[in-house]
Full PDB file with SEQRES, HELIX, SHEET, SSBOND, CRYST1, ORIGX, SCALE, CONECT and MASTER records, all heavy atoms in Angstrom:
SEQRES   1 A   36  ARG GLU PRO ASN VAL GLU PHE SER ILE ASP GLU PHE PHE          
SEQRES   2 A   36  ARG PRO HIS ASP VAL PRO LYS ARG ALA ILE SER LEU MET          
SEQRES   3 A   36  TRP ASN GLN ARG SER VAL ASP THR PHE LEU                      
HELIX    1 AA1 ILE A    9  PHE A   13  1                                   5    
HELIX    2 AA2 ARG A   14  HIS A   16  5                                   3    
CRYST1    1.000    1.000    1.000  90.00  90.00  90.00 P 1           1          
ORIGX1      1.000000  0.000000  0.000000        0.00000                         
ORIGX2      0.000000  1.000000  0.000000        0.00000                         
ORIGX3      0.000000  0.000000  1.000000        0.00000                         
SCALE1      1.000000  0.000000  0.000000        0.00000                         
SCALE2      0.000000  1.000000  0.000000        0.00000                         
SCALE3      0.000000  0.000000  1.000000        0.00000                         
ATOM      1  N   ARG A   1       3.646  -8.876  21.053  1.00  0.00           N  
ATOM      2  CA  ARG A   1       4.338  -7.610  21.208  1.00  0.00           C  
ATOM      3  C   ARG A   1       4.652  -7.367  22.680  1.00  0.00           C  
ATOM      4  O   ARG A   1       3.756  -7.362  23.519  1.00  0.00           O  
ATOM      5  CB  ARG A   1       3.486  -6.475  20.651  1.00  0.00           C  
ATOM      6  CG  ARG A   1       4.190  -5.128  20.702  1.00  0.00           C  
ATOM      7  CD  ARG A   1       3.360  -4.065  20.027  1.00  0.00           C  
ATOM      8  NE  ARG A   1       3.996  -2.762  20.113  1.00  0.00           N  
ATOM      9  CZ  ARG A   1       3.487  -1.642  19.610  1.00  0.00           C  
ATOM     10  NH1 ARG A   1       2.327  -1.685  18.977  1.00  0.00           N  
ATOM     11  NH2 ARG A   1       4.119  -0.493  19.740  1.00  0.00           N  
ATOM     12  N   GLU A   2       5.956  -7.170  22.977  1.00  0.00           N  
ATOM     13  CA  GLU A   2       6.373  -6.914  24.345  1.00  0.00           C  
ATOM     14  C   GLU A   2       6.052  -5.467  24.721  1.00  0.00           C  
ATOM     15  O   GLU A   2       6.208  -4.559  23.904  1.00  0.00           O  
ATOM     16  CB  GLU A   2       7.881  -7.159  24.482  1.00  0.00           C  
ATOM     17  CG  GLU A   2       8.308  -8.598  24.207  1.00  0.00           C  
ATOM     18  CD  GLU A   2       7.808  -9.537  25.286  1.00  0.00           C  
ATOM     19  OE1 GLU A   2       7.582  -9.065  26.424  1.00  0.00           O  
ATOM     20  OE2 GLU A   2       7.616 -10.716  24.996  1.00  0.00           O  
ATOM     21  N   PRO A   3       5.639  -5.229  25.970  1.00  0.00           N  
ATOM     22  CA  PRO A   3       5.357  -3.849  26.417  1.00  0.00           C  
ATOM     23  C   PRO A   3       6.598  -2.972  26.338  1.00  0.00           C  
ATOM     24  O   PRO A   3       7.710  -3.423  26.642  1.00  0.00           O  
ATOM     25  CB  PRO A   3       4.890  -4.027  27.870  1.00  0.00           C  
ATOM     26  CG  PRO A   3       4.507  -5.466  27.972  1.00  0.00           C  
ATOM     27  CD  PRO A   3       5.355  -6.225  27.004  1.00  0.00           C  
ATOM     28  N   ASN A   4       6.406  -1.746  25.904  1.00  0.00           N  
ATOM     29  CA  ASN A   4       7.475  -0.743  25.856  1.00  0.00           C  
ATOM     30  C   ASN A   4       8.627  -1.117  24.930  1.00  0.00           C  
ATOM     31  O   ASN A   4       9.732  -0.593  25.050  1.00  0.00           O  
ATOM     32  CB  ASN A   4       8.032  -0.484  27.271  1.00  0.00           C  
ATOM     33  CG  ASN A   4       6.955  -0.043  28.234  1.00  0.00           C  
ATOM     34  OD1 ASN A   4       6.085   0.763  27.870  1.00  0.00           O  
ATOM     35  ND2 ASN A   4       6.997  -0.569  29.453  1.00  0.00           N  
ATOM     36  N   VAL A   5       8.378  -2.063  24.003  1.00  0.00           N  
ATOM     37  CA  VAL A   5       9.406  -2.444  23.021  1.00  0.00           C  
ATOM     38  C   VAL A   5       8.915  -2.049  21.639  1.00  0.00           C  
ATOM     39  O   VAL A   5       7.804  -2.404  21.242  1.00  0.00           O  
ATOM     40  CB  VAL A   5       9.694  -3.959  23.065  1.00  0.00           C  
ATOM     41  CG1 VAL A   5      10.700  -4.341  21.977  1.00  0.00           C  
ATOM     42  CG2 VAL A   5      10.207  -4.344  24.436  1.00  0.00           C  
ATOM     43  N   GLU A   6       9.749  -1.267  20.947  1.00  0.00           N  
ATOM     44  CA  GLU A   6       9.366  -0.827  19.604  1.00  0.00           C  
ATOM     45  C   GLU A   6       9.241  -2.031  18.667  1.00  0.00           C  
ATOM     46  O   GLU A   6      10.061  -2.955  18.718  1.00  0.00           O  
ATOM     47  CB  GLU A   6      10.406   0.155  19.046  1.00  0.00           C  
ATOM     48  CG  GLU A   6      10.374   1.505  19.729  1.00  0.00           C  
ATOM     49  CD  GLU A   6      11.237   2.510  19.002  1.00  0.00           C  
ATOM     50  OE1 GLU A   6      11.759   2.174  17.916  1.00  0.00           O  
ATOM     51  OE2 GLU A   6      11.394   3.638  19.515  1.00  0.00           O  
ATOM     52  N   PHE A   7       8.219  -1.991  17.871  1.00  0.00           N  
ATOM     53  CA  PHE A   7       7.948  -3.122  16.967  1.00  0.00           C  
ATOM     54  C   PHE A   7       7.973  -2.629  15.526  1.00  0.00           C  
ATOM     55  O   PHE A   7       7.254  -1.694  15.168  1.00  0.00           O  
ATOM     56  CB  PHE A   7       6.587  -3.733  17.290  1.00  0.00           C  
ATOM     57  CG  PHE A   7       6.171  -4.849  16.371  1.00  0.00           C  
ATOM     58  CD1 PHE A   7       6.748  -6.107  16.464  1.00  0.00           C  
ATOM     59  CD2 PHE A   7       5.205  -4.637  15.399  1.00  0.00           C  
ATOM     60  CE1 PHE A   7       6.358  -7.122  15.627  1.00  0.00           C  
ATOM     61  CE2 PHE A   7       4.818  -5.652  14.549  1.00  0.00           C  
ATOM     62  CZ  PHE A   7       5.390  -6.901  14.663  1.00  0.00           C  
ATOM     63  N   SER A   8       8.842  -3.197  14.715  1.00  0.00           N  
ATOM     64  CA  SER A   8       8.932  -2.834  13.295  1.00  0.00           C  
ATOM     65  C   SER A   8       8.144  -3.842  12.482  1.00  0.00           C  
ATOM     66  O   SER A   8       8.459  -5.044  12.490  1.00  0.00           O  
ATOM     67  CB  SER A   8      10.392  -2.814  12.832  1.00  0.00           C  
ATOM     68  OG  SER A   8      10.443  -2.719  11.419  1.00  0.00           O  
ATOM     69  N   ILE A   9       7.123  -3.334  11.779  1.00  0.00           N  
ATOM     70  CA  ILE A   9       6.303  -4.245  10.980  1.00  0.00           C  
ATOM     71  C   ILE A   9       7.113  -4.844   9.839  1.00  0.00           C  
ATOM     72  O   ILE A   9       6.905  -5.983   9.437  1.00  0.00           O  
ATOM     73  CB  ILE A   9       5.041  -3.516  10.465  1.00  0.00           C  
ATOM     74  CG1 ILE A   9       4.024  -4.537   9.953  1.00  0.00           C  
ATOM     75  CG2 ILE A   9       5.391  -2.501   9.378  1.00  0.00           C  
ATOM     76  CD1 ILE A   9       2.651  -3.942   9.735  1.00  0.00           C  
ATOM     77  N   ASP A  10       8.081  -4.072   9.303  1.00  0.00           N  
ATOM     78  CA  ASP A  10       8.937  -4.598   8.246  1.00  0.00           C  
ATOM     79  C   ASP A  10       9.775  -5.769   8.738  1.00  0.00           C  
ATOM     80  O   ASP A  10       9.993  -6.739   8.012  1.00  0.00           O  
ATOM     81  CB  ASP A  10       9.856  -3.497   7.704  1.00  0.00           C  
ATOM     82  CG  ASP A  10       9.207  -2.724   6.576  1.00  0.00           C  
ATOM     83  OD1 ASP A  10       8.246  -3.253   5.984  1.00  0.00           O  
ATOM     84  OD2 ASP A  10       9.648  -1.602   6.273  1.00  0.00           O  
ATOM     85  N   GLU A  11      10.264  -5.683   9.978  1.00  0.00           N  
ATOM     86  CA  GLU A  11      11.066  -6.769  10.537  1.00  0.00           C  
ATOM     87  C   GLU A  11      10.245  -8.052  10.644  1.00  0.00           C  
ATOM     88  O   GLU A  11      10.772  -9.158  10.503  1.00  0.00           O  
ATOM     89  CB  GLU A  11      11.598  -6.371  11.910  1.00  0.00           C  
ATOM     90  CG  GLU A  11      12.694  -5.314  11.856  1.00  0.00           C  
ATOM     91  CD  GLU A  11      13.193  -4.956  13.238  1.00  0.00           C  
ATOM     92  OE1 GLU A  11      12.788  -5.632  14.217  1.00  0.00           O  
ATOM     93  OE2 GLU A  11      13.988  -3.999  13.352  1.00  0.00           O  
ATOM     94  N   PHE A  12       8.958  -7.878  10.892  1.00  0.00           N  
ATOM     95  CA  PHE A  12       8.094  -9.051  10.991  1.00  0.00           C  
ATOM     96  C   PHE A  12       7.800  -9.646   9.614  1.00  0.00           C  
ATOM     97  O   PHE A  12       7.863 -10.857   9.421  1.00  0.00           O  
ATOM     98  CB  PHE A  12       6.791  -8.680  11.697  1.00  0.00           C  
ATOM     99  CG  PHE A  12       5.741  -9.752  11.595  1.00  0.00           C  
ATOM    100  CD1 PHE A  12       5.932 -10.998  12.175  1.00  0.00           C  
ATOM    101  CD2 PHE A  12       4.563  -9.526  10.893  1.00  0.00           C  
ATOM    102  CE1 PHE A  12       4.968 -11.990  12.066  1.00  0.00           C  
ATOM    103  CE2 PHE A  12       3.608 -10.506  10.785  1.00  0.00           C  
ATOM    104  CZ  PHE A  12       3.802 -11.747  11.379  1.00  0.00           C  
ATOM    105  N   PHE A  13       7.500  -8.782   8.628  1.00  0.00           N  
ATOM    106  CA  PHE A  13       7.098  -9.261   7.314  1.00  0.00           C  
ATOM    107  C   PHE A  13       8.267  -9.814   6.495  1.00  0.00           C  
ATOM    108  O   PHE A  13       8.091 -10.713   5.685  1.00  0.00           O  
ATOM    109  CB  PHE A  13       6.438  -8.137   6.523  1.00  0.00           C  
ATOM    110  CG  PHE A  13       5.036  -7.809   6.964  1.00  0.00           C  
ATOM    111  CD1 PHE A  13       4.621  -6.493   7.114  1.00  0.00           C  
ATOM    112  CD2 PHE A  13       4.130  -8.822   7.226  1.00  0.00           C  
ATOM    113  CE1 PHE A  13       3.332  -6.190   7.509  1.00  0.00           C  
ATOM    114  CE2 PHE A  13       2.842  -8.532   7.627  1.00  0.00           C  
ATOM    115  CZ  PHE A  13       2.435  -7.211   7.774  1.00  0.00           C  
ATOM    116  N   ARG A  14       9.477  -9.274   6.715  1.00  0.00           N  
ATOM    117  CA  ARG A  14      10.606  -9.607   5.848  1.00  0.00           C  
ATOM    118  C   ARG A  14      10.899 -11.106   5.765  1.00  0.00           C  
ATOM    119  O   ARG A  14      11.074 -11.642   4.662  1.00  0.00           O  
ATOM    120  CB  ARG A  14      11.853  -8.845   6.308  1.00  0.00           C  
ATOM    121  CG  ARG A  14      12.998  -8.910   5.297  1.00  0.00           C  
ATOM    122  CD  ARG A  14      14.180  -8.061   5.736  1.00  0.00           C  
ATOM    123  NE  ARG A  14      13.830  -6.655   5.846  1.00  0.00           N  
ATOM    124  CZ  ARG A  14      13.820  -5.961   6.976  1.00  0.00           C  
ATOM    125  NH1 ARG A  14      14.151  -6.562   8.122  1.00  0.00           N  
ATOM    126  NH2 ARG A  14      13.484  -4.694   6.991  1.00  0.00           N  
ATOM    127  N   PRO A  15      10.964 -11.849   6.866  1.00  0.00           N  
ATOM    128  CA  PRO A  15      11.272 -13.290   6.761  1.00  0.00           C  
ATOM    129  C   PRO A  15      10.224 -14.089   5.999  1.00  0.00           C  
ATOM    130  O   PRO A  15      10.500 -15.186   5.511  1.00  0.00           O  
ATOM    131  CB  PRO A  15      11.340 -13.746   8.224  1.00  0.00           C  
ATOM    132  CG  PRO A  15      11.513 -12.507   9.014  1.00  0.00           C  
ATOM    133  CD  PRO A  15      10.824 -11.428   8.265  1.00  0.00           C  
ATOM    134  N   HIS A  16       9.019 -13.546   5.892  1.00  0.00           N  
ATOM    135  CA  HIS A  16       7.928 -14.254   5.234  1.00  0.00           C  
ATOM    136  C   HIS A  16       7.731 -13.807   3.788  1.00  0.00           C  
ATOM    137  O   HIS A  16       6.778 -14.234   3.135  1.00  0.00           O  
ATOM    138  CB  HIS A  16       6.639 -14.059   6.029  1.00  0.00           C  
ATOM    139  CG  HIS A  16       6.763 -14.447   7.475  1.00  0.00           C  
ATOM    140  ND1 HIS A  16       6.926 -15.755   7.888  1.00  0.00           N  
ATOM    141  CD2 HIS A  16       6.789 -13.685   8.603  1.00  0.00           C  
ATOM    142  CE1 HIS A  16       7.025 -15.794   9.208  1.00  0.00           C  
ATOM    143  NE2 HIS A  16       6.947 -14.553   9.661  1.00  0.00           N  
ATOM    144  N   ASP A  17       8.655 -12.958   3.313  1.00  0.00           N  
ATOM    145  CA  ASP A  17       8.636 -12.515   1.914  1.00  0.00           C  
ATOM    146  C   ASP A  17       7.293 -11.893   1.534  1.00  0.00           C  
ATOM    147  O   ASP A  17       6.739 -12.149   0.465  1.00  0.00           O  
ATOM    148  CB  ASP A  17       8.940 -13.699   0.987  1.00  0.00           C  
ATOM    149  CG  ASP A  17       9.475 -13.251  -0.380  1.00  0.00           C  
ATOM    150  OD1 ASP A  17      10.045 -12.148  -0.452  1.00  0.00           O  
ATOM    151  OD2 ASP A  17       9.304 -13.997  -1.361  1.00  0.00           O  
ATOM    152  N   VAL A  18       6.773 -11.060   2.417  1.00  0.00           N  
ATOM    153  CA  VAL A  18       5.490 -10.401   2.170  1.00  0.00           C  
ATOM    154  C   VAL A  18       5.705  -9.199   1.248  1.00  0.00           C  
ATOM    155  O   VAL A  18       6.555  -8.347   1.528  1.00  0.00           O  
ATOM    156  CB  VAL A  18       4.841  -9.942   3.488  1.00  0.00           C  
ATOM    157  CG1 VAL A  18       3.519  -9.224   3.215  1.00  0.00           C  
ATOM    158  CG2 VAL A  18       4.618 -11.139   4.410  1.00  0.00           C  
ATOM    159  N   PRO A  19       4.986  -9.107   0.143  1.00  0.00           N  
ATOM    160  CA  PRO A  19       5.184  -7.987  -0.787  1.00  0.00           C  
ATOM    161  C   PRO A  19       4.967  -6.633  -0.121  1.00  0.00           C  
ATOM    162  O   PRO A  19       4.137  -6.487   0.780  1.00  0.00           O  
ATOM    163  CB  PRO A  19       4.128  -8.237  -1.868  1.00  0.00           C  
ATOM    164  CG  PRO A  19       3.826  -9.692  -1.800  1.00  0.00           C  
ATOM    165  CD  PRO A  19       3.968 -10.059  -0.352  1.00  0.00           C  
ATOM    166  N   LYS A  20       5.722  -5.644  -0.610  1.00  0.00           N  
ATOM    167  CA  LYS A  20       5.585  -4.280  -0.107  1.00  0.00           C  
ATOM    168  C   LYS A  20       4.707  -3.409  -0.998  1.00  0.00           C  
ATOM    169  O   LYS A  20       4.242  -2.361  -0.567  1.00  0.00           O  
ATOM    170  CB  LYS A  20       6.960  -3.615   0.005  1.00  0.00           C  
ATOM    171  CG  LYS A  20       7.868  -4.199   1.062  1.00  0.00           C  
ATOM    172  CD  LYS A  20       9.174  -3.403   1.118  1.00  0.00           C  
ATOM    173  CE  LYS A  20      10.080  -3.911   2.231  1.00  0.00           C  
ATOM    174  NZ  LYS A  20      11.332  -3.110   2.313  1.00  0.00           N  
ATOM    175  N   ARG A  21       4.521  -3.841  -2.253  1.00  0.00           N  
ATOM    176  CA  ARG A  21       3.841  -2.967  -3.207  1.00  0.00           C  
ATOM    177  C   ARG A  21       2.746  -3.728  -3.952  1.00  0.00           C  
ATOM    178  O   ARG A  21       2.792  -4.961  -4.083  1.00  0.00           O  
ATOM    179  CB  ARG A  21       4.830  -2.371  -4.212  1.00  0.00           C  
ATOM    180  CG  ARG A  21       5.959  -1.586  -3.579  1.00  0.00           C  
ATOM    181  CD  ARG A  21       6.853  -0.955  -4.627  1.00  0.00           C  
ATOM    182  NE  ARG A  21       6.244   0.239  -5.205  1.00  0.00           N  
ATOM    183  CZ  ARG A  21       6.442   1.473  -4.742  1.00  0.00           C  
ATOM    184  NH1 ARG A  21       7.221   1.685  -3.709  1.00  0.00           N  
ATOM    185  NH2 ARG A  21       5.860   2.511  -5.330  1.00  0.00           N  
ATOM    186  N   ALA A  22       1.796  -2.954  -4.466  1.00  0.00           N  
ATOM    187  CA  ALA A  22       0.758  -3.473  -5.364  1.00  0.00           C  
ATOM    188  C   ALA A  22       1.035  -2.937  -6.760  1.00  0.00           C  
ATOM    189  O   ALA A  22       1.576  -1.842  -6.928  1.00  0.00           O  
ATOM    190  CB  ALA A  22      -0.620  -3.038  -4.897  1.00  0.00           C  
ATOM    191  N   ILE A  23       0.648  -3.700  -7.775  1.00  0.00           N  
ATOM    192  CA  ILE A  23       0.902  -3.311  -9.160  1.00  0.00           C  
ATOM    193  C   ILE A  23      -0.377  -3.414  -9.978  1.00  0.00           C  
ATOM    194  O   ILE A  23      -1.120  -4.398  -9.870  1.00  0.00           O  
ATOM    195  CB  ILE A  23       2.028  -4.178  -9.790  1.00  0.00           C  
ATOM    196  CG1 ILE A  23       2.283  -3.761 -11.241  1.00  0.00           C  
ATOM    197  CG2 ILE A  23       1.723  -5.663  -9.678  1.00  0.00           C  
ATOM    198  CD1 ILE A  23       3.523  -4.426 -11.850  1.00  0.00           C  
ATOM    199  N   SER A  24      -0.635  -2.384 -10.767  1.00  0.00           N  
ATOM    200  CA  SER A  24      -1.788  -2.350 -11.675  1.00  0.00           C  
ATOM    201  C   SER A  24      -1.290  -2.296 -13.108  1.00  0.00           C  
ATOM    202  O   SER A  24      -0.169  -1.852 -13.378  1.00  0.00           O  
ATOM    203  CB  SER A  24      -2.669  -1.126 -11.387  1.00  0.00           C  
ATOM    204  OG  SER A  24      -3.201  -1.188 -10.093  1.00  0.00           O  
ATOM    205  N   LEU A  25      -2.144  -2.751 -14.031  1.00  0.00           N  
ATOM    206  CA  LEU A  25      -1.794  -2.745 -15.453  1.00  0.00           C  
ATOM    207  C   LEU A  25      -2.937  -2.136 -16.253  1.00  0.00           C  
ATOM    208  O   LEU A  25      -4.107  -2.465 -16.021  1.00  0.00           O  
ATOM    209  CB  LEU A  25      -1.491  -4.162 -15.937  1.00  0.00           C  
ATOM    210  CG  LEU A  25      -1.035  -4.325 -17.400  1.00  0.00           C  
ATOM    211  CD1 LEU A  25      -0.085  -5.533 -17.527  1.00  0.00           C  
ATOM    212  CD2 LEU A  25      -2.202  -4.486 -18.366  1.00  0.00           C  
ATOM    213  N   MET A  26      -2.593  -1.254 -17.180  1.00  0.00           N  
ATOM    214  CA  MET A  26      -3.570  -0.655 -18.090  1.00  0.00           C  
ATOM    215  C   MET A  26      -3.106  -0.890 -19.525  1.00  0.00           C  
ATOM    216  O   MET A  26      -1.974  -0.551 -19.866  1.00  0.00           O  
ATOM    217  CB  MET A  26      -3.684   0.849 -17.825  1.00  0.00           C  
ATOM    218  CG  MET A  26      -4.630   1.584 -18.774  1.00  0.00           C  
ATOM    219  SD  MET A  26      -4.758   3.349 -18.351  1.00  0.00           S  
ATOM    220  CE  MET A  26      -3.113   3.928 -18.819  1.00  0.00           C  
ATOM    221  N   TRP A  27      -3.974  -1.512 -20.331  1.00  0.00           N  
ATOM    222  CA  TRP A  27      -3.614  -1.695 -21.737  1.00  0.00           C  
ATOM    223  C   TRP A  27      -4.471  -0.800 -22.619  1.00  0.00           C  
ATOM    224  O   TRP A  27      -5.587  -0.426 -22.264  1.00  0.00           O  
ATOM    225  CB  TRP A  27      -3.716  -3.162 -22.150  1.00  0.00           C  
ATOM    226  CG  TRP A  27      -5.070  -3.630 -22.600  1.00  0.00           C  
ATOM    227  CD1 TRP A  27      -5.550  -3.650 -23.871  1.00  0.00           C  
ATOM    228  CD2 TRP A  27      -6.130  -4.169 -21.782  1.00  0.00           C  
ATOM    229  NE1 TRP A  27      -6.832  -4.161 -23.906  1.00  0.00           N  
ATOM    230  CE2 TRP A  27      -7.210  -4.487 -22.633  1.00  0.00           C  
ATOM    231  CE3 TRP A  27      -6.261  -4.404 -20.411  1.00  0.00           C  
ATOM    232  CZ2 TRP A  27      -8.392  -5.026 -22.169  1.00  0.00           C  
ATOM    233  CZ3 TRP A  27      -7.441  -4.934 -19.936  1.00  0.00           C  
ATOM    234  CH2 TRP A  27      -8.491  -5.246 -20.809  1.00  0.00           C  
ATOM    235  N   ASN A  28      -3.928  -0.447 -23.782  1.00  0.00           N  
ATOM    236  CA  ASN A  28      -4.617   0.405 -24.752  1.00  0.00           C  
ATOM    237  C   ASN A  28      -4.870  -0.400 -26.021  1.00  0.00           C  
ATOM    238  O   ASN A  28      -3.972  -1.090 -26.515  1.00  0.00           O  
ATOM    239  CB  ASN A  28      -3.774   1.639 -25.076  1.00  0.00           C  
ATOM    240  CG  ASN A  28      -3.578   2.516 -23.862  1.00  0.00           C  
ATOM    241  OD1 ASN A  28      -4.537   2.985 -23.264  1.00  0.00           O  
ATOM    242  ND2 ASN A  28      -2.330   2.727 -23.467  1.00  0.00           N  
ATOM    243  N   GLN A  29      -6.082  -0.290 -26.545  1.00  0.00           N  
ATOM    244  CA  GLN A  29      -6.476  -1.102 -27.689  1.00  0.00           C  
ATOM    245  C   GLN A  29      -7.206  -0.236 -28.703  1.00  0.00           C  
ATOM    246  O   GLN A  29      -8.214   0.394 -28.394  1.00  0.00           O  
ATOM    247  CB  GLN A  29      -7.365  -2.257 -27.220  1.00  0.00           C  
ATOM    248  CG  GLN A  29      -7.638  -3.307 -28.274  1.00  0.00           C  
ATOM    249  CD  GLN A  29      -8.089  -4.630 -27.668  1.00  0.00           C  
ATOM    250  OE1 GLN A  29      -7.924  -4.873 -26.485  1.00  0.00           O  
ATOM    251  NE2 GLN A  29      -8.638  -5.505 -28.483  1.00  0.00           N  
ATOM    252  N   ARG A  30      -6.688  -0.205 -29.930  1.00  0.00           N  
ATOM    253  CA  ARG A  30      -7.274   0.658 -30.963  1.00  0.00           C  
ATOM    254  C   ARG A  30      -8.524   0.040 -31.579  1.00  0.00           C  
ATOM    255  O   ARG A  30      -9.459   0.733 -31.958  1.00  0.00           O  
ATOM    256  CB  ARG A  30      -6.245   0.935 -32.067  1.00  0.00           C  
ATOM    257  CG  ARG A  30      -5.838  -0.312 -32.829  1.00  0.00           C  
ATOM    258  CD  ARG A  30      -4.984  -0.059 -34.046  1.00  0.00           C  
ATOM    259  NE  ARG A  30      -4.684  -1.336 -34.701  1.00  0.00           N  
ATOM    260  CZ  ARG A  30      -5.438  -1.913 -35.616  1.00  0.00           C  
ATOM    261  NH1 ARG A  30      -6.561  -1.326 -36.010  1.00  0.00           N  
ATOM    262  NH2 ARG A  30      -5.089  -3.075 -36.142  1.00  0.00           N  
ATOM    263  N   SER A  31      -8.532  -1.299 -31.735  1.00  0.00           N  
ATOM    264  CA  SER A  31      -9.611  -2.008 -32.413  1.00  0.00           C  
ATOM    265  C   SER A  31     -10.033  -3.189 -31.553  1.00  0.00           C  
ATOM    266  O   SER A  31      -9.194  -4.016 -31.176  1.00  0.00           O  
ATOM    267  CB  SER A  31      -9.141  -2.488 -33.790  1.00  0.00           C  
ATOM    268  OG  SER A  31     -10.157  -3.225 -34.452  1.00  0.00           O  
ATOM    269  N   VAL A  32     -11.330  -3.266 -31.251  1.00  0.00           N  
ATOM    270  CA  VAL A  32     -11.810  -4.250 -30.276  1.00  0.00           C  
ATOM    271  C   VAL A  32     -12.932  -5.091 -30.878  1.00  0.00           C  
ATOM    272  O   VAL A  32     -14.056  -4.613 -31.069  1.00  0.00           O  
ATOM    273  CB  VAL A  32     -12.318  -3.552 -29.000  1.00  0.00           C  
ATOM    274  CG1 VAL A  32     -12.674  -4.590 -27.932  1.00  0.00           C  
ATOM    275  CG2 VAL A  32     -11.290  -2.562 -28.470  1.00  0.00           C  
ATOM    276  N   ASP A  33     -12.626  -6.353 -31.186  1.00  0.00           N  
ATOM    277  CA  ASP A  33     -13.644  -7.330 -31.576  1.00  0.00           C  
ATOM    278  C   ASP A  33     -14.320  -7.765 -30.279  1.00  0.00           C  
ATOM    279  O   ASP A  33     -13.843  -8.656 -29.585  1.00  0.00           O  
ATOM    280  CB  ASP A  33     -12.971  -8.512 -32.290  1.00  0.00           C  
ATOM    281  CG  ASP A  33     -13.938  -9.635 -32.633  1.00  0.00           C  
ATOM    282  OD1 ASP A  33     -15.123  -9.550 -32.261  1.00  0.00           O  
ATOM    283  OD2 ASP A  33     -13.496 -10.614 -33.263  1.00  0.00           O  
ATOM    284  N   THR A  34     -15.433  -7.129 -29.956  1.00  0.00           N  
ATOM    285  CA  THR A  34     -15.979  -7.225 -28.600  1.00  0.00           C  
ATOM    286  C   THR A  34     -16.466  -8.623 -28.248  1.00  0.00           C  
ATOM    287  O   THR A  34     -16.314  -9.069 -27.112  1.00  0.00           O  
ATOM    288  CB  THR A  34     -17.122  -6.209 -28.427  1.00  0.00           C  
ATOM    289  OG1 THR A  34     -16.656  -4.919 -28.832  1.00  0.00           O  
ATOM    290  CG2 THR A  34     -17.577  -6.141 -26.978  1.00  0.00           C  
ATOM    291  N   PHE A  35     -17.039  -9.334 -29.198  1.00  0.00           N  
ATOM    292  CA  PHE A  35     -17.612 -10.637 -28.847  1.00  0.00           C  
ATOM    293  C   PHE A  35     -16.553 -11.731 -28.737  1.00  0.00           C  
ATOM    294  O   PHE A  35     -16.524 -12.471 -27.759  1.00  0.00           O  
ATOM    295  CB  PHE A  35     -18.688 -11.058 -29.847  1.00  0.00           C  
ATOM    296  CG  PHE A  35     -19.428 -12.292 -29.401  1.00  0.00           C  
ATOM    297  CD1 PHE A  35     -20.371 -12.219 -28.387  1.00  0.00           C  
ATOM    298  CD2 PHE A  35     -19.155 -13.528 -29.961  1.00  0.00           C  
ATOM    299  CE1 PHE A  35     -21.028 -13.362 -27.942  1.00  0.00           C  
ATOM    300  CE2 PHE A  35     -19.810 -14.673 -29.531  1.00  0.00           C  
ATOM    301  CZ  PHE A  35     -20.751 -14.589 -28.516  1.00  0.00           C  
ATOM    302  N   LEU A  36     -15.665 -11.828 -29.729  1.00  0.00           N  
ATOM    303  CA  LEU A  36     -14.670 -12.899 -29.707  1.00  0.00           C  
ATOM    304  C   LEU A  36     -13.349 -12.475 -29.085  1.00  0.00           C  
ATOM    305  O   LEU A  36     -12.737 -13.216 -28.317  1.00  0.00           O  
ATOM    306  CB  LEU A  36     -14.413 -13.413 -31.128  1.00  0.00           C  
ATOM    307  CG  LEU A  36     -15.533 -14.218 -31.783  1.00  0.00           C  
ATOM    308  CD1 LEU A  36     -15.119 -14.654 -33.177  1.00  0.00           C  
ATOM    309  CD2 LEU A  36     -15.902 -15.432 -30.938  1.00  0.00           C  
TER     310      LEU A  36                                                      
MASTER        0    0    0    2    0    0    0    6  309    1    0    3          
END                                                                             
């Protein structure tokens, strides 16, 4: 990082295809055969 030069973190990450978001998944199950 150069002194007194604004640094955009997005500009750095973009060429490396770094994800911007995280994703979660929730499933719903009416009947659960717990062992198998």
